[in-house]
Amino acid sequence: MDLSYSAEDIAFRDEVRAYLAENLPKHISDAVREGGELTKELLEEWHAILNKRGWLATIWPKEFGGPGWSPVQKHIFEEECCRAYAPRIVPFGLSMLGPVLQKFGSKEQQDHYLPRILDGTDWWCQGYSEPGAGSDLASLKTRAVRDGDEWVINGQKTWTTLGQHADWIFCLCRTDPDAKQQEGISFILVDMKTPGIEVRPIKLIEGGHEVNEVFFTDVRVPYGNLVGEENKGWTIAKYLLTHERTGIAGVGFSMQALEEVKALARKTLRNGRPLIEDPLFAARIAQVEIDLEAMKITNLRMLFKAQQQGAPGPETSILKIKGTVIHQELKDLARRALGPAAAPFPGHVTDGNLMFGPADTAHNAARYFNNRKTSIFGGSNEIQRNILTKTMLEL
């Protein structure tokens, strides 16, 4: 594989860069740059801008409303968006459910749901994890029992990211309690406005409300909301997770974070010298940069393979492991470079003349604490290593 950009790739990069310079609103890029809250309204505004240009569903083929980009173009687009401080595209409808419906959904489901994902009519969330079924997802207990032309769902989901905003949730439910764990699960679409659904917030370690518990009590859902075959949802679940784990790697965001750490280390003094000149700190930056470059190449290889095969394979677990470890290391390096200025001081302490560090460091502690989750969600890194040993090393 030739890793250098062709003339066409460079022209595409310049097109993307020019488009972002002209169309990415400053109030949105400032919110991303400063680490502030990305509200639903901000995210929807950015999604609408990209959708108008036809650049929202980057991994969708043209026949479903995507741009039909090559892996390199997709990589360039993500890299340039990160460089410009554009928000991450919310993945649940676009990068998870969209590919599932395109592969497993009926024509009726595709025609109904896919356009609504693109135009923002429906905001989706993911109903996978449960209190007793996280990494061991196949042990889930949420039940869906058929009653005529409906499913009756009872159970609980947890860690439901952005569920407080969602119009719909795609759920894994046990539909055959007597079958083997993986063989009795179905993939069902549920309207969040259905009676019997309750969403409760979970506060994260940095104080934010990003995830939720979702409770289902006698929730009635049309039987036609089943995607694929009954009791075959585990196949769909694994297919979806390969797309999720590829996105979690966040190559572009780590490239952006690396440049921020370097800039911070150049202007931060230790014993009268820039921190970037400290041998131990410089060695850690060098190592994470090497790891990131290797992951970037691996990501491109996997994107090419996915384009040929129609879906990412189990090797996406490599991206999930390395991507989250690299991102956590970069946040740790930024925290160490800031020293006391990285402490999560209450707002009233940093007012006026009592600011302990530069204004753009105020959210560093929240970023550091929030990113501890990345090696857990989407399947913990320990489970990803098990997947690799079984599926690739055949151990």
Protein backbone atom coordinates (compact mmCIF):
# COMPACT_ATOMS: atom_id res chain seq x y z
CA MET A 1 0.00 0.00 0.00
CA ASP A 2 1.37 3.40 -1.01
CA LEU A 3 1.16 5.65 2.06
CA SER A 4 1.94 8.89 0.25
CA TYR A 5 -0.95 11.06 -0.90
CA SER A 6 -1.64 11.21 -4.59
CA ALA A 7 -2.26 14.49 -6.41
CA GLU A 8 -5.99 13.73 -6.21
CA ASP A 9 -5.76 13.14 -2.47
CA ILE A 10 -3.95 16.43 -1.96
CA ALA A 11 -6.57 18.25 -4.04
CA PHE A 12 -9.30 16.64 -1.92
CA ARG A 13 -7.51 17.68 1.28
CA ASP A 14 -7.34 21.26 0.04
CA GLU A 15 -11.05 21.15 -0.81
CA VAL A 16 -11.93 19.90 2.67
CA ARG A 17 -9.66 22.44 4.33
CA ALA A 18 -11.22 25.30 2.37
CA TYR A 19 -14.74 24.09 3.10
CA LEU A 20 -14.07 23.90 6.84
CA ALA A 21 -12.49 27.36 6.86
CA GLU A 22 -15.60 28.80 5.26
CA ASN A 23 -18.40 26.74 6.84
CA LEU A 24 -17.35 25.65 10.34
CA PRO A 25 -18.94 28.25 12.65
CA LYS A 26 -16.51 29.91 15.03
CA HIS A 27 -18.75 29.40 18.06
CA ILE A 28 -18.67 25.66 17.40
CA SER A 29 -14.90 25.39 16.88
CA ASP A 30 -14.31 27.57 19.95
CA ALA A 31 -16.45 25.22 22.06
CA VAL A 32 -14.38 22.25 20.87
CA ARG A 33 -11.05 24.07 21.31
CA GLU A 34 -11.87 25.22 24.84
CA GLY A 35 -13.25 21.87 25.96
CA GLY A 36 -16.67 23.32 26.75
CA GLU A 37 -19.98 21.50 26.64
CA LEU A 38 -21.06 20.42 23.18
CA THR A 39 -24.81 20.78 23.47
CA LYS A 40 -27.29 18.86 21.36
CA GLU A 41 -28.07 22.10 19.51
CA LEU A 42 -24.40 22.63 18.57
CA LEU A 43 -23.98 19.07 17.37
CA GLU A 44 -27.20 19.19 15.35
CA GLU A 45 -26.12 22.48 13.79
CA TRP A 46 -22.83 20.98 12.64
CA HIS A 47 -24.50 17.80 11.38
CA ALA A 48 -26.92 19.88 9.29
CA ILE A 49 -24.04 21.85 7.74
CA LEU A 50 -22.23 18.65 6.75
CA ASN A 51 -25.40 16.99 5.50
CA LYS A 52 -26.16 19.94 3.22
CA ARG A 53 -22.77 19.36 1.59
CA GLY A 54 -23.29 15.57 1.47
CA TRP A 55 -20.39 14.97 3.84
CA LEU A 56 -22.15 13.74 6.97
CA ALA A 57 -22.35 9.95 6.55
CA THR A 58 -18.70 9.50 5.61
CA ILE A 59 -18.77 5.68 5.61
CA TRP A 60 -22.07 5.28 3.73
CA PRO A 61 -22.07 4.33 0.03
CA LYS A 62 -23.62 6.71 -2.47
CA GLU A 63 -26.77 4.65 -2.93
CA PHE A 64 -27.71 5.34 0.69
CA GLY A 65 -26.84 9.03 0.71
CA GLY A 66 -23.16 8.91 1.62
CA PRO A 67 -20.30 10.52 -0.31
CA GLY A 68 -18.87 7.17 -1.43
CA TRP A 69 -15.36 8.15 -0.36
CA SER A 70 -12.27 5.97 -0.52
CA PRO A 71 -10.59 5.02 2.80
CA VAL A 72 -7.92 7.65 2.20
CA GLN A 73 -10.50 10.39 1.60
CA LYS A 74 -12.34 9.42 4.78
CA HIS A 75 -9.06 9.53 6.71
CA ILE A 76 -8.18 12.94 5.23
CA PHE A 77 -11.62 14.33 6.08
CA GLU A 78 -11.41 13.20 9.71
CA GLU A 79 -7.86 14.53 10.02
CA GLU A 80 -8.82 17.94 8.66
CA CYS A 81 -11.94 18.14 10.86
CA CYS A 82 -9.81 17.51 13.93
CA ARG A 83 -7.25 20.05 12.80
CA ALA A 84 -10.01 22.66 12.44
CA TYR A 85 -11.58 21.80 15.85
CA ALA A 86 -14.81 20.49 14.40
CA PRO A 87 -16.92 18.33 16.73
CA ARG A 88 -16.81 14.57 16.48
CA ILE A 89 -19.78 13.32 14.46
CA VAL A 90 -22.19 11.58 16.85
CA PRO A 91 -21.76 7.93 15.82
CA PHE A 92 -24.87 6.08 16.98
CA GLY A 93 -27.10 6.67 13.98
CA LEU A 94 -24.48 7.41 11.35
CA SER A 95 -21.62 5.02 12.08
CA MET A 96 -23.39 2.23 13.96
CA LEU A 97 -27.07 1.82 13.07
CA GLY A 98 -26.70 3.10 9.51
CA PRO A 99 -24.31 0.33 8.37
CA VAL A 100 -26.43 -2.25 10.24
CA LEU A 101 -29.61 -1.24 8.41
CA GLN A 102 -27.78 -1.18 5.10
CA LYS A 103 -26.62 -4.78 5.60
CA PHE A 104 -29.37 -6.40 7.67
CA GLY A 105 -32.41 -4.11 7.47
CA SER A 106 -35.43 -4.58 5.23
CA LYS A 107 -35.99 -2.24 2.28
CA GLU A 108 -38.82 -0.65 4.24
CA GLN A 109 -36.55 -0.01 7.23
CA GLN A 110 -33.82 1.43 5.03
CA ASP A 111 -36.21 3.76 3.22
CA HIS A 112 -37.73 4.99 6.49
CA TYR A 113 -34.84 5.31 8.93
CA LEU A 114 -31.77 6.16 6.84
CA PRO A 115 -33.04 9.52 5.50
CA ARG A 116 -34.18 10.46 9.02
CA ILE A 117 -30.68 9.79 10.36
CA LEU A 118 -29.19 12.05 7.70
CA ASP A 119 -31.57 14.98 8.10
CA GLY A 120 -31.49 14.88 11.91
CA THR A 121 -35.13 13.89 12.39
CA ASP A 122 -34.07 10.99 14.61
CA TRP A 123 -31.31 11.09 17.24
CA TRP A 124 -30.25 7.54 18.17
CA CYS A 125 -28.64 5.96 21.21
CA GLN A 126 -27.30 2.49 21.90
CA GLY A 127 -28.97 -0.08 24.19
CA TYR A 128 -26.28 -2.72 24.70
CA SER A 129 -24.69 -2.72 28.20
CA GLU A 130 -26.59 -3.70 31.33
CA PRO A 131 -25.64 -3.70 35.04
CA GLY A 132 -24.74 -7.39 34.77
CA ALA A 133 -23.70 -7.46 31.13
CA GLY A 134 -20.88 -5.13 30.21
CA SER A 135 -17.88 -6.84 28.63
CA ASP A 136 -19.81 -10.12 28.95
CA LEU A 137 -22.53 -8.65 26.76
CA ALA A 138 -24.06 -11.99 25.79
CA SER A 139 -25.29 -12.44 29.38
CA LEU A 140 -27.80 -9.59 28.96
CA LYS A 141 -31.17 -10.02 30.70
CA THR A 142 -33.47 -7.47 29.04
CA ARG A 143 -36.37 -9.56 27.67
CA ALA A 144 -38.54 -9.04 24.62
CA VAL A 145 -41.55 -11.34 24.51
CA ARG A 146 -43.73 -11.51 21.41
CA ASP A 147 -47.41 -10.72 21.95
CA GLY A 148 -49.22 -10.86 18.63
CA ASP A 149 -47.84 -8.10 16.41
CA GLU A 150 -45.82 -6.53 19.22
CA TRP A 151 -42.80 -7.07 21.42
CA VAL A 152 -43.19 -6.47 25.15
CA ILE A 153 -39.82 -5.36 26.55
CA ASN A 154 -38.75 -5.41 30.21
CA GLY A 155 -35.28 -4.76 31.58
CA GLN A 156 -32.56 -2.18 32.03
CA LYS A 157 -29.72 -0.72 29.98
CA THR A 158 -26.87 1.34 31.40
CA TRP A 159 -24.06 3.67 30.25
CA THR A 160 -26.42 4.87 27.52
CA THR A 161 -24.40 7.73 26.03
CA LEU A 162 -26.44 10.85 25.21
CA GLY A 163 -29.62 8.89 25.85
CA GLN A 164 -31.13 12.03 27.40
CA HIS A 165 -31.26 13.51 23.88
CA ALA A 166 -32.35 10.42 21.96
CA ASP A 167 -35.54 9.94 20.00
CA TRP A 168 -34.82 6.23 19.37
CA ILE A 169 -32.69 3.46 20.84
CA PHE A 170 -31.46 0.27 19.16
CA CYS A 171 -31.58 -2.54 21.71
CA LEU A 172 -30.25 -6.02 22.18
CA CYS A 173 -32.98 -8.08 23.85
CA ARG A 174 -33.21 -11.72 24.86
CA THR A 175 -36.01 -13.28 22.82
CA ASP A 176 -35.27 -16.96 23.53
CA PRO A 177 -34.26 -17.51 27.17
CA ASP A 178 -33.73 -21.25 26.57
CA ALA A 179 -31.15 -20.86 23.81
CA LYS A 180 -27.41 -20.51 24.26
CA GLN A 181 -26.53 -16.97 25.34
CA GLN A 182 -25.48 -15.71 21.92
CA GLU A 183 -28.25 -17.53 20.04
CA GLY A 184 -31.30 -16.12 21.80
CA ILE A 185 -30.74 -12.39 21.23
CA SER A 186 -32.56 -10.05 18.82
CA PHE A 187 -31.84 -6.52 17.58
CA ILE A 188 -34.90 -4.27 18.03
CA LEU A 189 -35.56 -0.56 17.35
CA VAL A 190 -37.48 1.30 20.07
CA ASP A 191 -39.08 4.75 20.06
CA MET A 192 -37.91 6.50 23.26
CA LYS A 193 -41.33 8.16 23.61
CA THR A 194 -43.01 4.77 24.10
CA PRO A 195 -44.82 4.48 27.47
CA GLY A 196 -42.82 2.52 30.05
CA ILE A 197 -39.37 3.98 29.27
CA GLU A 198 -37.55 5.91 31.99
CA VAL A 199 -34.16 7.61 31.55
CA ARG A 200 -32.09 8.40 34.65
CA PRO A 201 -28.80 10.37 34.50
CA ILE A 202 -25.45 9.00 35.70
CA LYS A 203 -22.91 11.58 36.84
CA LEU A 204 -19.38 10.86 35.64
CA ILE A 205 -16.16 11.36 37.60
CA GLU A 206 -15.58 14.81 36.11
CA GLY A 207 -19.11 15.88 37.03
CA GLY A 208 -20.70 15.75 33.59
CA HIS A 209 -23.95 14.12 32.50
CA GLU A 210 -23.08 12.14 29.43
CA VAL A 211 -24.43 8.67 30.20
CA ASN A 212 -27.69 7.30 31.56
CA GLU A 213 -29.63 4.32 32.82
CA VAL A 214 -32.65 3.35 30.72
CA PHE A 215 -35.45 1.27 32.24
CA PHE A 216 -38.08 -0.65 30.24
CA THR A 217 -41.34 -1.62 31.94
CA ASP A 218 -43.87 -3.42 29.70
CA VAL A 219 -42.74 -1.37 26.70
CA ARG A 220 -44.75 -2.34 23.62
CA VAL A 221 -42.93 -2.16 20.29
CA PRO A 222 -44.21 -3.19 16.81
CA TYR A 223 -42.89 -6.59 15.73
CA GLY A 224 -41.69 -4.97 12.49
CA ASN A 225 -39.06 -3.05 14.48
CA LEU A 226 -37.00 -6.24 14.56
CA VAL A 227 -33.87 -5.88 12.40
CA GLY A 228 -32.74 -9.07 10.68
CA GLU A 229 -33.92 -12.47 11.90
CA GLU A 230 -35.36 -13.21 15.31
CA ASN A 231 -32.72 -14.66 17.69
CA LYS A 232 -29.91 -13.72 15.27
CA GLY A 233 -29.12 -10.36 16.84
CA TRP A 234 -25.69 -11.41 18.10
CA THR A 235 -24.36 -11.45 14.53
CA ILE A 236 -25.67 -7.92 14.06
CA ALA A 237 -24.26 -6.84 17.43
CA LYS A 238 -20.75 -7.98 16.49
CA TYR A 239 -20.98 -6.30 13.09
CA LEU A 240 -21.97 -3.02 14.73
CA LEU A 241 -19.18 -3.23 17.30
CA THR A 242 -16.49 -3.51 14.61
CA HIS A 243 -17.65 -0.12 13.29
CA GLU A 244 -17.78 1.32 16.82
CA ARG A 245 -14.27 0.14 17.70
CA THR A 246 -12.80 1.58 14.52
CA GLY A 247 -14.29 4.98 15.42
CA ILE A 248 -13.12 4.81 19.04
CA ALA A 249 -9.50 4.77 17.83
CA GLY A 250 -9.87 8.49 17.06
CA VAL A 251 -6.66 8.87 15.05
CA GLY A 252 -7.36 12.47 14.05
CA PHE A 253 -8.23 13.53 17.58
CA SER A 254 -5.00 12.02 18.91
CA MET A 255 -3.00 13.82 16.21
CA GLN A 256 -4.61 17.06 17.33
CA ALA A 257 -3.95 16.27 21.01
CA LEU A 258 -0.29 15.50 20.24
CA GLU A 259 0.23 18.92 18.68
CA GLU A 260 -1.44 20.55 21.69
CA VAL A 261 0.87 18.70 24.09
CA LYS A 262 3.94 19.72 22.08
CA ALA A 263 2.85 23.37 22.04
CA LEU A 264 2.17 23.26 25.78
CA ALA A 265 5.58 21.69 26.47
CA ARG A 266 7.32 24.39 24.42
CA LYS A 267 5.85 27.25 26.46
CA THR A 268 5.96 25.57 29.88
CA LEU A 269 9.18 26.17 31.81
CA ARG A 270 10.83 23.74 34.22
CA ASN A 271 13.95 25.01 35.97
CA GLY A 272 14.16 27.86 33.50
CA ARG A 273 14.03 25.66 30.38
CA PRO A 274 11.14 24.60 28.13
CA LEU A 275 9.63 21.31 29.24
CA ILE A 276 10.04 19.96 25.70
CA GLU A 277 13.81 19.87 26.40
CA ASP A 278 13.42 17.67 29.47
CA PRO A 279 14.81 14.25 28.40
CA LEU A 280 12.21 12.15 30.21
CA PHE A 281 9.24 14.22 29.05
CA ALA A 282 10.60 14.42 25.50
CA ALA A 283 11.06 10.64 25.47
CA ARG A 284 7.40 10.10 26.42
CA ILE A 285 6.27 12.47 23.67
CA ALA A 286 8.51 10.68 21.17
CA GLN A 287 7.15 7.27 22.14
CA VAL A 288 3.50 8.29 21.86
CA GLU A 289 4.22 9.94 18.50
CA ILE A 290 5.78 6.70 17.22
CA ASP A 291 2.79 4.71 18.47
CA LEU A 292 0.38 7.15 16.88
CA GLU A 293 2.12 6.99 13.50
CA ALA A 294 1.99 3.19 13.60
CA MET A 295 -1.71 3.30 14.49
CA LYS A 296 -2.42 5.75 11.67
CA ILE A 297 -0.87 3.34 9.16
CA THR A 298 -2.73 0.39 10.70
CA ASN A 299 -5.99 2.33 10.52
CA LEU A 300 -5.48 2.98 6.79
CA ARG A 301 -4.69 -0.69 6.16
CA MET A 302 -7.87 -1.74 7.93
CA LEU A 303 -9.97 0.82 6.08
CA PHE A 304 -8.69 -0.56 2.77
CA LYS A 305 -9.46 -4.11 3.89
CA ALA A 306 -12.95 -3.10 5.05
CA GLN A 307 -13.61 -1.50 1.68
CA GLN A 308 -12.74 -4.78 -0.06
CA GLN A 309 -14.66 -7.03 2.37
CA GLY A 310 -17.62 -4.75 3.08
CA ALA A 311 -17.02 -4.54 6.85
CA PRO A 312 -14.16 -4.19 9.33
CA GLY A 313 -12.85 -7.43 10.83
CA PRO A 314 -11.82 -8.48 14.34
CA GLU A 315 -8.53 -6.64 13.91
CA THR A 316 -10.43 -3.46 14.80
CA SER A 317 -9.76 -4.55 18.38
CA ILE A 318 -6.14 -3.51 17.76
CA LEU A 319 -7.29 0.01 16.91
CA LYS A 320 -9.54 0.14 19.96
CA ILE A 321 -6.74 -0.91 22.32
CA LYS A 322 -3.98 1.28 20.90
CA GLY A 323 -6.23 4.23 20.16
CA THR A 324 -7.53 4.51 23.71
CA VAL A 325 -4.13 3.93 25.32
CA ILE A 326 -2.56 6.64 23.13
CA HIS A 327 -5.35 9.12 23.85
CA GLN A 328 -5.09 8.53 27.60
CA GLU A 329 -1.32 8.95 27.47
CA LEU A 330 -1.69 12.28 25.67
CA LYS A 331 -4.17 13.56 28.26
CA ASP A 332 -1.79 12.43 31.01
CA LEU A 333 1.13 14.26 29.38
CA ALA A 334 -0.94 17.46 29.17
CA ARG A 335 -1.88 17.09 32.84
CA ARG A 336 1.76 16.62 33.84
CA ALA A 337 2.90 19.58 31.75
CA LEU A 338 0.37 21.87 33.42
CA GLY A 339 1.26 20.78 36.94
CA PRO A 340 -0.86 22.60 39.56
CA ALA A 341 -2.73 24.46 36.79
CA ALA A 342 -4.33 21.14 35.81
CA ALA A 343 -6.03 20.78 39.18
CA PRO A 344 -9.85 20.84 38.92
CA PHE A 345 -10.33 24.02 40.96
CA PRO A 346 -13.95 25.11 41.54
CA GLY A 347 -15.12 27.93 39.30
CA HIS A 348 -15.11 30.55 42.04
CA VAL A 349 -11.42 29.87 42.76
CA THR A 350 -10.35 30.63 39.20
CA ASP A 351 -12.34 33.85 38.89
CA GLY A 352 -10.60 37.16 38.32
CA ASN A 353 -7.05 37.44 39.65
CA LEU A 354 -7.04 33.98 41.19
CA MET A 355 -6.60 32.13 37.89
CA PHE A 356 -3.97 29.42 38.48
CA GLY A 357 -3.24 28.74 34.82
CA PRO A 358 -4.02 29.87 31.29
CA ALA A 359 -7.72 30.11 30.49
CA ASP A 360 -7.46 27.41 27.82
CA THR A 361 -6.35 24.86 30.45
CA ALA A 362 -9.47 25.19 32.59
CA HIS A 363 -11.08 22.01 31.21
CA ASN A 364 -7.94 19.84 31.23
CA ALA A 365 -8.81 17.94 34.38
CA ALA A 366 -12.29 17.15 33.08
CA ARG A 367 -10.81 15.87 29.81
CA TYR A 368 -8.29 13.72 31.68
CA PHE A 369 -10.88 12.14 33.98
CA ASN A 370 -13.46 11.69 31.21
CA ASN A 371 -10.96 9.83 29.03
CA ARG A 372 -10.39 7.15 31.67
CA LYS A 373 -13.58 5.56 30.32
CA THR A 374 -12.27 4.99 26.80
CA SER A 375 -10.34 1.82 27.65
CA ILE A 376 -13.57 0.39 29.12
CA PHE A 377 -16.45 1.28 26.78
CA GLY A 378 -16.97 -0.41 23.43
CA GLY A 379 -15.65 -3.59 25.05
CA SER A 380 -12.88 -3.24 27.63
CA ASN A 381 -9.30 -3.47 26.39
CA GLU A 382 -8.88 -6.74 28.31
CA ILE A 383 -11.77 -8.25 26.35
CA GLN A 384 -10.32 -6.91 23.09
CA ARG A 385 -7.10 -8.81 23.79
CA ASN A 386 -9.14 -11.97 24.31
CA ILE A 387 -10.88 -11.40 20.97
CA LEU A 388 -7.53 -11.03 19.21
CA THR A 389 -6.08 -14.18 20.78
CA LYS A 390 -9.11 -16.24 19.74
CA THR A 391 -9.96 -14.87 16.29
CA MET A 392 -6.54 -13.92 14.93
CA LEU A 393 -3.98 -15.97 16.89
CA GLU A 394 -6.38 -18.95 17.28
CA LEU A 395 -5.19 -19.59 20.84
